[in-house]
Amino acid sequence: MITSAQSAPILQPYLQSRQLSGMIGGLIDGAAYDRLTGRTDGAARRAWDSYQFGLILVILLIILGGLFQSLARLLPRRKPRKEVKA
């Protein structure tokens, strides 16, 4: 059975009672299965690569946001001009 990492603990008793002959639970088990079968470009690998790319992108956005905020604090702010009423 192939299942998500969240439901693997719930299905563990079925595996122990031999109602299931095998179980792959989550991305880590999927990657281990790909390694056992000799696949280097399996679905688990593609999902893991996408996950890592997303994390790197989020980290870069946080760093860029921090740099932008730091630069914005260093630059002097313009005071709004008061309009002269005639």
N, C-alpha and C. Protein backbone atom coordinates (compact mmCIF):
# COMPACT_ATOMS: atom_id res chain seq x y z
N MET A 1 0.83 -1.16 0.00
CA MET A 1 0.00 0.00 0.00
C MET A 1 0.89 1.24 0.00
N ILE A 2 0.53 2.22 -0.79
CA ILE A 2 1.22 3.50 -0.81
C ILE A 2 0.29 4.51 -0.15
N THR A 3 0.82 5.19 0.86
CA THR A 3 -0.02 6.10 1.63
C THR A 3 0.77 7.35 2.00
N SER A 4 0.06 8.33 2.52
CA SER A 4 0.73 9.56 2.96
C SER A 4 1.40 9.33 4.31
N ALA A 5 2.29 10.23 4.66
CA ALA A 5 2.99 10.11 5.94
C ALA A 5 2.03 10.30 7.11
N GLN A 6 0.97 11.07 6.91
CA GLN A 6 0.01 11.32 7.98
C GLN A 6 -0.82 10.07 8.32
N SER A 7 -1.16 9.29 7.31
CA SER A 7 -2.00 8.12 7.57
C SER A 7 -1.20 6.85 7.84
N ALA A 8 0.11 6.88 7.67
CA ALA A 8 0.93 5.68 7.89
C ALA A 8 0.83 5.14 9.32
N PRO A 9 0.86 5.99 10.36
CA PRO A 9 0.73 5.44 11.72
C PRO A 9 -0.62 4.77 11.97
N ILE A 10 -1.66 5.25 11.32
CA ILE A 10 -2.99 4.66 11.50
C ILE A 10 -3.04 3.27 10.86
N LEU A 11 -2.33 3.11 9.76
CA LEU A 11 -2.34 1.83 9.04
C LEU A 11 -1.28 0.85 9.54
N GLN A 12 -0.43 1.27 10.43
CA GLN A 12 0.65 0.41 10.95
C GLN A 12 0.12 -0.89 11.58
N PRO A 13 -0.98 -0.88 12.36
CA PRO A 13 -1.48 -2.16 12.91
C PRO A 13 -1.87 -3.16 11.84
N TYR A 14 -2.37 -2.69 10.71
CA TYR A 14 -2.73 -3.59 9.61
C TYR A 14 -1.48 -4.24 9.01
N LEU A 15 -0.41 -3.49 8.98
CA LEU A 15 0.85 -4.04 8.48
C LEU A 15 1.40 -5.07 9.45
N GLN A 16 1.32 -4.76 10.75
CA GLN A 16 1.85 -5.69 11.76
C GLN A 16 1.03 -6.97 11.85
N SER A 17 -0.29 -6.88 11.60
CA SER A 17 -1.13 -8.09 11.64
C SER A 17 -1.12 -8.83 10.30
N ARG A 18 -0.30 -8.40 9.38
CA ARG A 18 -0.12 -8.99 8.06
C ARG A 18 -1.37 -8.93 7.19
N GLN A 19 -2.24 -7.96 7.47
CA GLN A 19 -3.36 -7.71 6.57
C GLN A 19 -2.88 -6.91 5.35
N LEU A 20 -1.77 -6.26 5.51
CA LEU A 20 -1.07 -5.59 4.40
C LEU A 20 0.25 -6.31 4.20
N SER A 21 0.63 -6.50 2.95
CA SER A 21 1.90 -7.18 2.71
C SER A 21 3.07 -6.20 2.68
N GLY A 22 2.78 -4.92 2.52
CA GLY A 22 3.83 -3.92 2.53
C GLY A 22 3.22 -2.53 2.50
N MET A 23 4.01 -1.56 2.92
CA MET A 23 3.48 -0.20 2.96
C MET A 23 4.61 0.79 2.71
N ILE A 24 4.33 1.75 1.85
CA ILE A 24 5.23 2.88 1.62
C ILE A 24 4.48 4.10 2.13
N GLY A 25 5.03 4.72 3.17
CA GLY A 25 4.33 5.84 3.80
C GLY A 25 5.12 7.13 3.73
N GLY A 26 4.72 8.01 2.86
CA GLY A 26 5.35 9.32 2.81
C GLY A 26 6.48 9.42 1.81
N LEU A 27 7.03 10.59 1.75
CA LEU A 27 8.07 10.90 0.77
C LEU A 27 9.37 10.17 1.05
N ILE A 28 9.70 10.03 2.32
CA ILE A 28 10.96 9.35 2.68
C ILE A 28 10.92 7.88 2.29
N ASP A 29 9.80 7.22 2.59
CA ASP A 29 9.67 5.81 2.20
C ASP A 29 9.62 5.67 0.68
N GLY A 30 8.99 6.64 0.00
CA GLY A 30 8.96 6.60 -1.46
C GLY A 30 10.35 6.74 -2.05
N ALA A 31 11.15 7.62 -1.47
CA ALA A 31 12.53 7.77 -1.94
C ALA A 31 13.34 6.51 -1.67
N ALA A 32 13.11 5.87 -0.51
CA ALA A 32 13.81 4.62 -0.21
C ALA A 32 13.41 3.52 -1.19
N TYR A 33 12.13 3.47 -1.54
CA TYR A 33 11.66 2.48 -2.51
C TYR A 33 12.29 2.73 -3.88
N ASP A 34 12.35 4.00 -4.28
CA ASP A 34 13.01 4.33 -5.55
C ASP A 34 14.46 3.88 -5.54
N ARG A 35 15.14 4.07 -4.42
CA ARG A 35 16.54 3.66 -4.31
C ARG A 35 16.67 2.14 -4.39
N LEU A 36 15.75 1.42 -3.75
CA LEU A 36 15.80 -0.05 -3.79
C LEU A 36 15.55 -0.59 -5.19
N THR A 37 14.68 0.07 -5.94
CA THR A 37 14.38 -0.40 -7.29
C THR A 37 15.35 0.13 -8.32
N GLY A 38 16.27 1.00 -7.90
CA GLY A 38 17.28 1.50 -8.82
C GLY A 38 16.85 2.70 -9.64
N ARG A 39 15.72 3.29 -9.33
CA ARG A 39 15.27 4.48 -10.05
C ARG A 39 15.99 5.71 -9.51
N THR A 40 16.43 6.53 -10.42
CA THR A 40 17.07 7.78 -9.99
C THR A 40 16.19 9.00 -10.29
N ASP A 41 15.15 8.80 -11.08
CA ASP A 41 14.27 9.92 -11.43
C ASP A 41 12.80 9.59 -11.14
N GLY A 42 12.56 8.92 -10.02
CA GLY A 42 11.21 8.52 -9.67
C GLY A 42 10.37 9.69 -9.19
N ALA A 43 9.12 9.40 -8.92
CA ALA A 43 8.17 10.44 -8.48
C ALA A 43 8.58 11.03 -7.14
N ALA A 44 9.12 10.22 -6.26
CA ALA A 44 9.53 10.73 -4.95
C ALA A 44 10.68 11.72 -5.11
N ARG A 45 11.59 11.43 -6.02
CA ARG A 45 12.72 12.33 -6.25
C ARG A 45 12.24 13.67 -6.82
N ARG A 46 11.31 13.61 -7.76
CA ARG A 46 10.79 14.85 -8.36
C ARG A 46 10.04 15.67 -7.31
N ALA A 47 9.27 15.01 -6.46
CA ALA A 47 8.54 15.72 -5.42
C ALA A 47 9.50 16.34 -4.42
N TRP A 48 10.54 15.61 -4.06
CA TRP A 48 11.52 16.13 -3.10
C TRP A 48 12.27 17.32 -3.69
N ASP A 49 12.63 17.24 -4.97
CA ASP A 49 13.31 18.35 -5.63
C ASP A 49 12.42 19.59 -5.68
N SER A 50 11.15 19.40 -5.96
CA SER A 50 10.21 20.53 -5.98
C SER A 50 10.06 21.14 -4.60
N TYR A 51 10.00 20.30 -3.59
CA TYR A 51 9.89 20.79 -2.22
C TYR A 51 11.12 21.61 -1.83
N GLN A 52 12.29 21.12 -2.17
CA GLN A 52 13.52 21.84 -1.86
C GLN A 52 13.59 23.17 -2.61
N PHE A 53 13.17 23.17 -3.87
CA PHE A 53 13.16 24.40 -4.64
C PHE A 53 12.23 25.43 -4.01
N GLY A 54 11.06 24.99 -3.56
CA GLY A 54 10.12 25.89 -2.90
C GLY A 54 10.70 26.46 -1.61
N LEU A 55 11.37 25.63 -0.83
CA LEU A 55 11.98 26.11 0.41
C LEU A 55 13.08 27.14 0.14
N ILE A 56 13.90 26.87 -0.86
CA ILE A 56 14.97 27.82 -1.21
C ILE A 56 14.37 29.14 -1.68
N LEU A 57 13.30 29.06 -2.46
CA LEU A 57 12.64 30.27 -2.94
C LEU A 57 12.07 31.09 -1.78
N VAL A 58 11.44 30.43 -0.82
CA VAL A 58 10.90 31.14 0.34
C VAL A 58 12.01 31.78 1.16
N ILE A 59 13.10 31.06 1.35
CA ILE A 59 14.24 31.62 2.11
C ILE A 59 14.79 32.85 1.40
N LEU A 60 14.94 32.78 0.08
CA LEU A 60 15.44 33.93 -0.67
C LEU A 60 14.49 35.13 -0.58
N LEU A 61 13.19 34.86 -0.64
CA LEU A 61 12.22 35.95 -0.51
C LEU A 61 12.28 36.60 0.87
N ILE A 62 12.47 35.81 1.89
CA ILE A 62 12.59 36.36 3.25
C ILE A 62 13.85 37.22 3.36
N ILE A 63 14.96 36.73 2.82
CA ILE A 63 16.21 37.50 2.87
C ILE A 63 16.08 38.80 2.08
N LEU A 64 15.51 38.72 0.88
CA LEU A 64 15.32 39.93 0.07
C LEU A 64 14.38 40.91 0.75
N GLY A 65 13.34 40.43 1.38
CA GLY A 65 12.42 41.30 2.11
C GLY A 65 13.12 41.99 3.28
N GLY A 66 13.97 41.26 3.98
CA GLY A 66 14.73 41.83 5.08
C GLY A 66 15.71 42.89 4.61
N LEU A 67 16.37 42.62 3.48
CA LEU A 67 17.30 43.61 2.92
C LEU A 67 16.56 44.86 2.46
N PHE A 68 15.43 44.68 1.82
CA PHE A 68 14.64 45.82 1.36
C PHE A 68 14.17 46.66 2.54
N GLN A 69 13.71 46.00 3.58
CA GLN A 69 13.25 46.72 4.78
C GLN A 69 14.41 47.46 5.44
N SER A 70 15.58 46.85 5.50
CA SER A 70 16.75 47.51 6.09
C SER A 70 17.15 48.74 5.28
N LEU A 71 17.15 48.61 3.97
CA LEU A 71 17.47 49.75 3.13
C LEU A 71 16.42 50.85 3.24
N ALA A 72 15.18 50.48 3.36
CA ALA A 72 14.12 51.48 3.48
C ALA A 72 14.25 52.26 4.78
N ARG A 73 14.72 51.65 5.82
CA ARG A 73 14.91 52.35 7.10
C ARG A 73 16.11 53.28 7.06
N LEU A 74 17.13 52.95 6.26
CA LEU A 74 18.32 53.78 6.18
C LEU A 74 18.09 55.04 5.36
N LEU A 75 17.26 54.96 4.35
CA LEU A 75 17.01 56.11 3.49
C LEU A 75 16.11 57.11 4.21
N PRO A 76 16.41 58.42 4.06
CA PRO A 76 15.55 59.41 4.71
C PRO A 76 14.18 59.47 4.04
N ARG A 77 13.18 59.71 4.85
CA ARG A 77 11.83 59.81 4.31
C ARG A 77 11.52 61.26 3.97
N ARG A 78 10.78 61.41 2.92
CA ARG A 78 10.36 62.74 2.53
C ARG A 78 9.16 63.14 3.36
N LYS A 79 9.19 64.36 3.83
CA LYS A 79 8.04 64.88 4.56
C LYS A 79 7.05 65.45 3.56
N PRO A 80 5.81 65.17 3.78
CA PRO A 80 4.81 65.70 2.81
C PRO A 80 4.76 67.23 2.89
N ARG A 81 4.66 67.85 1.73
CA ARG A 81 4.59 69.30 1.68
C ARG A 81 3.20 69.76 2.11
N LYS A 82 3.21 70.81 2.86
CA LYS A 82 1.93 71.41 3.25
C LYS A 82 1.49 72.33 2.16
N GLU A 83 0.25 72.20 1.80
CA GLU A 83 -0.29 73.03 0.75
C GLU A 83 -0.63 74.42 1.33
N VAL A 84 -0.31 75.43 0.57
CA VAL A 84 -0.60 76.81 0.99
C VAL A 84 -1.95 77.18 0.42
N LYS A 85 -2.85 77.57 1.32
CA LYS A 85 -4.18 77.97 0.88
C LYS A 85 -4.20 79.44 0.55
N ALA A 86 -4.75 79.79 -0.56
CA ALA A 86 -4.77 81.20 -0.97
C ALA A 86 -6.07 81.87 -0.61
